[in-house]
Amino acid sequence: MKPNIAQKSPFAVDLESGKTYYWCACGQSKKQPFCDGSHKGTAFAPVAYTPTKTGKYYLCGCKHTNTPPLCDGTHTKL
């Protein structure tokens, strides 16, 4: 099963050091790039991510990254 492509570019978000965020891996969340529970009943599960530094992060929007939840440029090949 492949995830839905939420968008073919990363989501630029400000994240706080030490706080855990849950990245949507299925692509169905209405609160992209974060999980809203839309994956329930599927094989997908959100990815927990706790940054070590406060700042801007680029979270994968295409849901096909090899480095979840961070964008690795895979969207340019879709």
N, C-alpha and C. Protein backbone atom coordinates (compact mmCIF):
# COMPACT_ATOMS: atom_id res chain seq x y z
N MET A 1 0.84 -1.18 0.00
CA MET A 1 0.00 0.00 0.00
C MET A 1 0.89 1.25 0.00
N LYS A 2 0.60 2.17 -0.89
CA LYS A 2 1.37 3.41 -0.97
C LYS A 2 0.59 4.55 -0.34
N PRO A 3 1.31 5.48 0.28
CA PRO A 3 0.63 6.63 0.89
C PRO A 3 0.12 7.61 -0.16
N ASN A 4 -0.88 8.39 0.21
CA ASN A 4 -1.35 9.48 -0.65
C ASN A 4 -0.30 10.57 -0.65
N ILE A 5 -0.13 11.22 -1.77
CA ILE A 5 0.79 12.35 -1.86
C ILE A 5 0.03 13.59 -1.41
N ALA A 6 0.40 14.14 -0.27
CA ALA A 6 -0.27 15.34 0.24
C ALA A 6 0.10 16.56 -0.60
N GLN A 7 1.39 16.66 -0.96
CA GLN A 7 1.87 17.70 -1.87
C GLN A 7 3.27 17.31 -2.34
N LYS A 8 3.64 17.78 -3.51
CA LYS A 8 4.95 17.42 -4.08
C LYS A 8 6.01 18.47 -3.73
N SER A 9 6.06 18.80 -2.46
CA SER A 9 7.07 19.70 -1.91
C SER A 9 7.03 19.52 -0.40
N PRO A 10 8.10 19.92 0.29
CA PRO A 10 8.11 19.76 1.75
C PRO A 10 7.24 20.82 2.44
N PHE A 11 6.87 20.52 3.66
CA PHE A 11 6.18 21.47 4.53
C PHE A 11 7.25 22.13 5.39
N ALA A 12 7.38 23.44 5.31
CA ALA A 12 8.33 24.19 6.14
C ALA A 12 7.61 24.52 7.45
N VAL A 13 8.09 23.97 8.55
CA VAL A 13 7.44 24.17 9.85
C VAL A 13 8.47 24.53 10.91
N ASP A 14 8.04 25.32 11.87
CA ASP A 14 8.88 25.66 13.01
C ASP A 14 8.59 24.66 14.11
N LEU A 15 9.63 23.96 14.56
CA LEU A 15 9.48 22.96 15.61
C LEU A 15 10.31 23.34 16.83
N GLU A 16 9.83 22.92 17.98
CA GLU A 16 10.46 23.25 19.26
C GLU A 16 11.29 22.07 19.77
N SER A 17 12.49 22.35 20.20
CA SER A 17 13.40 21.35 20.75
C SER A 17 12.76 20.60 21.91
N GLY A 18 12.88 19.27 21.89
CA GLY A 18 12.39 18.46 22.98
C GLY A 18 10.91 18.11 22.92
N LYS A 19 10.15 18.74 22.04
CA LYS A 19 8.72 18.46 21.91
C LYS A 19 8.54 17.38 20.84
N THR A 20 7.67 16.42 21.09
CA THR A 20 7.44 15.34 20.14
C THR A 20 6.27 15.69 19.23
N TYR A 21 6.51 15.53 17.94
CA TYR A 21 5.51 15.79 16.91
C TYR A 21 5.22 14.46 16.20
N TYR A 22 4.03 14.32 15.68
CA TYR A 22 3.64 13.10 14.97
C TYR A 22 3.35 13.43 13.52
N TRP A 23 4.27 13.01 12.65
CA TRP A 23 4.20 13.28 11.21
C TRP A 23 3.25 12.29 10.55
N CYS A 24 2.38 12.79 9.71
CA CYS A 24 1.44 11.96 8.96
C CYS A 24 2.21 11.16 7.90
N ALA A 25 2.11 9.84 7.95
CA ALA A 25 2.78 8.98 6.98
C ALA A 25 1.83 8.51 5.88
N CYS A 26 0.52 8.63 6.11
CA CYS A 26 -0.46 8.10 5.14
C CYS A 26 -0.83 9.11 4.06
N GLY A 27 -0.67 10.40 4.37
CA GLY A 27 -1.03 11.45 3.42
C GLY A 27 -2.48 11.86 3.45
N GLN A 28 -3.27 11.31 4.39
CA GLN A 28 -4.70 11.61 4.43
C GLN A 28 -5.09 12.66 5.48
N SER A 29 -4.18 13.02 6.36
CA SER A 29 -4.48 13.97 7.42
C SER A 29 -4.92 15.32 6.86
N LYS A 30 -5.88 15.92 7.51
CA LYS A 30 -6.33 17.28 7.14
C LYS A 30 -5.47 18.33 7.84
N LYS A 31 -4.53 17.89 8.70
CA LYS A 31 -3.66 18.81 9.45
C LYS A 31 -2.21 18.62 9.01
N GLN A 32 -1.98 18.45 7.73
CA GLN A 32 -0.63 18.23 7.19
C GLN A 32 0.35 19.28 7.70
N PRO A 33 1.57 18.86 8.00
CA PRO A 33 2.15 17.53 7.81
C PRO A 33 1.96 16.62 9.01
N PHE A 34 1.10 17.03 9.95
CA PHE A 34 0.95 16.27 11.19
C PHE A 34 -0.26 15.34 11.14
N CYS A 35 -0.20 14.31 11.95
CA CYS A 35 -1.24 13.28 12.01
C CYS A 35 -2.50 13.81 12.68
N ASP A 36 -3.66 13.44 12.11
CA ASP A 36 -4.94 13.75 12.75
C ASP A 36 -5.76 12.47 13.00
N GLY A 37 -5.11 11.31 12.82
CA GLY A 37 -5.79 10.04 13.06
C GLY A 37 -6.44 9.44 11.83
N SER A 38 -6.31 10.08 10.68
CA SER A 38 -6.94 9.60 9.45
C SER A 38 -6.44 8.23 9.00
N HIS A 39 -5.30 7.80 9.50
CA HIS A 39 -4.73 6.51 9.12
C HIS A 39 -5.45 5.31 9.75
N LYS A 40 -6.29 5.56 10.74
CA LYS A 40 -6.94 4.46 11.46
C LYS A 40 -7.63 3.51 10.47
N GLY A 41 -7.40 2.22 10.66
CA GLY A 41 -7.98 1.21 9.79
C GLY A 41 -7.09 0.90 8.59
N THR A 42 -5.91 1.52 8.52
CA THR A 42 -4.96 1.26 7.43
C THR A 42 -3.68 0.66 8.02
N ALA A 43 -2.74 0.34 7.16
CA ALA A 43 -1.45 -0.21 7.61
C ALA A 43 -0.48 0.89 8.04
N PHE A 44 -0.88 2.14 7.90
CA PHE A 44 0.00 3.27 8.22
C PHE A 44 -0.07 3.66 9.69
N ALA A 45 1.02 4.24 10.16
CA ALA A 45 1.09 4.77 11.53
C ALA A 45 1.91 6.06 11.46
N PRO A 46 1.59 7.04 12.31
CA PRO A 46 2.37 8.27 12.31
C PRO A 46 3.80 8.02 12.79
N VAL A 47 4.68 8.92 12.41
CA VAL A 47 6.09 8.83 12.81
C VAL A 47 6.35 9.89 13.87
N ALA A 48 6.78 9.45 15.05
CA ALA A 48 7.12 10.37 16.14
C ALA A 48 8.48 11.00 15.84
N TYR A 49 8.56 12.31 16.03
CA TYR A 49 9.82 13.03 15.78
C TYR A 49 10.01 14.07 16.86
N THR A 50 11.17 14.05 17.50
CA THR A 50 11.51 15.01 18.55
C THR A 50 12.80 15.71 18.14
N PRO A 51 12.71 16.95 17.65
CA PRO A 51 13.92 17.66 17.24
C PRO A 51 14.81 18.01 18.43
N THR A 52 16.11 18.06 18.16
CA THR A 52 17.07 18.41 19.21
C THR A 52 17.35 19.90 19.25
N LYS A 53 16.94 20.61 18.19
CA LYS A 53 17.12 22.06 18.13
C LYS A 53 15.80 22.71 17.71
N THR A 54 15.51 23.87 18.29
CA THR A 54 14.34 24.64 17.88
C THR A 54 14.68 25.33 16.57
N GLY A 55 13.76 25.29 15.62
CA GLY A 55 14.00 25.96 14.35
C GLY A 55 13.10 25.46 13.25
N LYS A 56 13.44 25.85 12.02
CA LYS A 56 12.66 25.47 10.84
C LYS A 56 13.11 24.10 10.35
N TYR A 57 12.12 23.26 10.07
CA TYR A 57 12.36 21.93 9.54
C TYR A 57 11.51 21.75 8.28
N TYR A 58 12.00 20.92 7.39
CA TYR A 58 11.27 20.65 6.15
C TYR A 58 10.79 19.21 6.19
N LEU A 59 9.50 19.06 6.52
CA LEU A 59 8.91 17.73 6.65
C LEU A 59 8.34 17.29 5.31
N CYS A 60 8.52 16.03 5.01
CA CYS A 60 8.11 15.45 3.73
C CYS A 60 6.62 15.65 3.49
N GLY A 61 6.29 16.13 2.29
CA GLY A 61 4.90 16.31 1.90
C GLY A 61 4.41 15.21 0.97
N CYS A 62 5.35 14.55 0.27
CA CYS A 62 4.95 13.51 -0.69
C CYS A 62 4.76 12.16 -0.02
N LYS A 63 5.26 12.02 1.21
CA LYS A 63 5.13 10.81 2.02
C LYS A 63 5.94 9.62 1.49
N HIS A 64 6.89 9.89 0.60
CA HIS A 64 7.73 8.83 0.03
C HIS A 64 9.20 8.97 0.43
N THR A 65 9.52 9.87 1.35
CA THR A 65 10.90 10.09 1.79
C THR A 65 11.54 8.81 2.34
N ASN A 66 12.84 8.72 2.20
CA ASN A 66 13.59 7.61 2.79
C ASN A 66 14.13 7.98 4.17
N THR A 67 13.86 9.24 4.60
CA THR A 67 14.33 9.73 5.89
C THR A 67 13.17 10.36 6.67
N PRO A 68 12.09 9.60 6.90
CA PRO A 68 10.91 10.18 7.56
C PRO A 68 11.23 10.72 8.94
N PRO A 69 10.69 11.86 9.30
CA PRO A 69 9.72 12.65 8.57
C PRO A 69 10.32 13.74 7.69
N LEU A 70 11.65 13.78 7.62
CA LEU A 70 12.32 14.86 6.90
C LEU A 70 12.31 14.65 5.40
N CYS A 71 12.18 15.74 4.67
CA CYS A 71 12.22 15.69 3.21
C CYS A 71 13.63 15.31 2.74
N ASP A 72 13.71 14.40 1.77
CA ASP A 72 15.01 14.02 1.20
C ASP A 72 15.06 14.29 -0.32
N GLY A 73 14.04 14.99 -0.82
CA GLY A 73 14.02 15.34 -2.25
C GLY A 73 13.34 14.31 -3.13
N THR A 74 12.81 13.24 -2.55
CA THR A 74 12.14 12.20 -3.34
C THR A 74 11.01 12.75 -4.19
N HIS A 75 10.35 13.82 -3.72
CA HIS A 75 9.22 14.38 -4.47
C HIS A 75 9.61 14.82 -5.88
N THR A 76 10.89 15.09 -6.12
CA THR A 76 11.31 15.52 -7.46
C THR A 76 11.33 14.36 -8.45
N LYS A 77 11.20 13.13 -7.95
CA LYS A 77 11.23 11.94 -8.80
C LYS A 77 9.86 11.32 -8.99
N LEU A 78 8.83 11.92 -8.39
CA LEU A 78 7.48 11.36 -8.49
C LEU A 78 6.72 11.91 -9.69
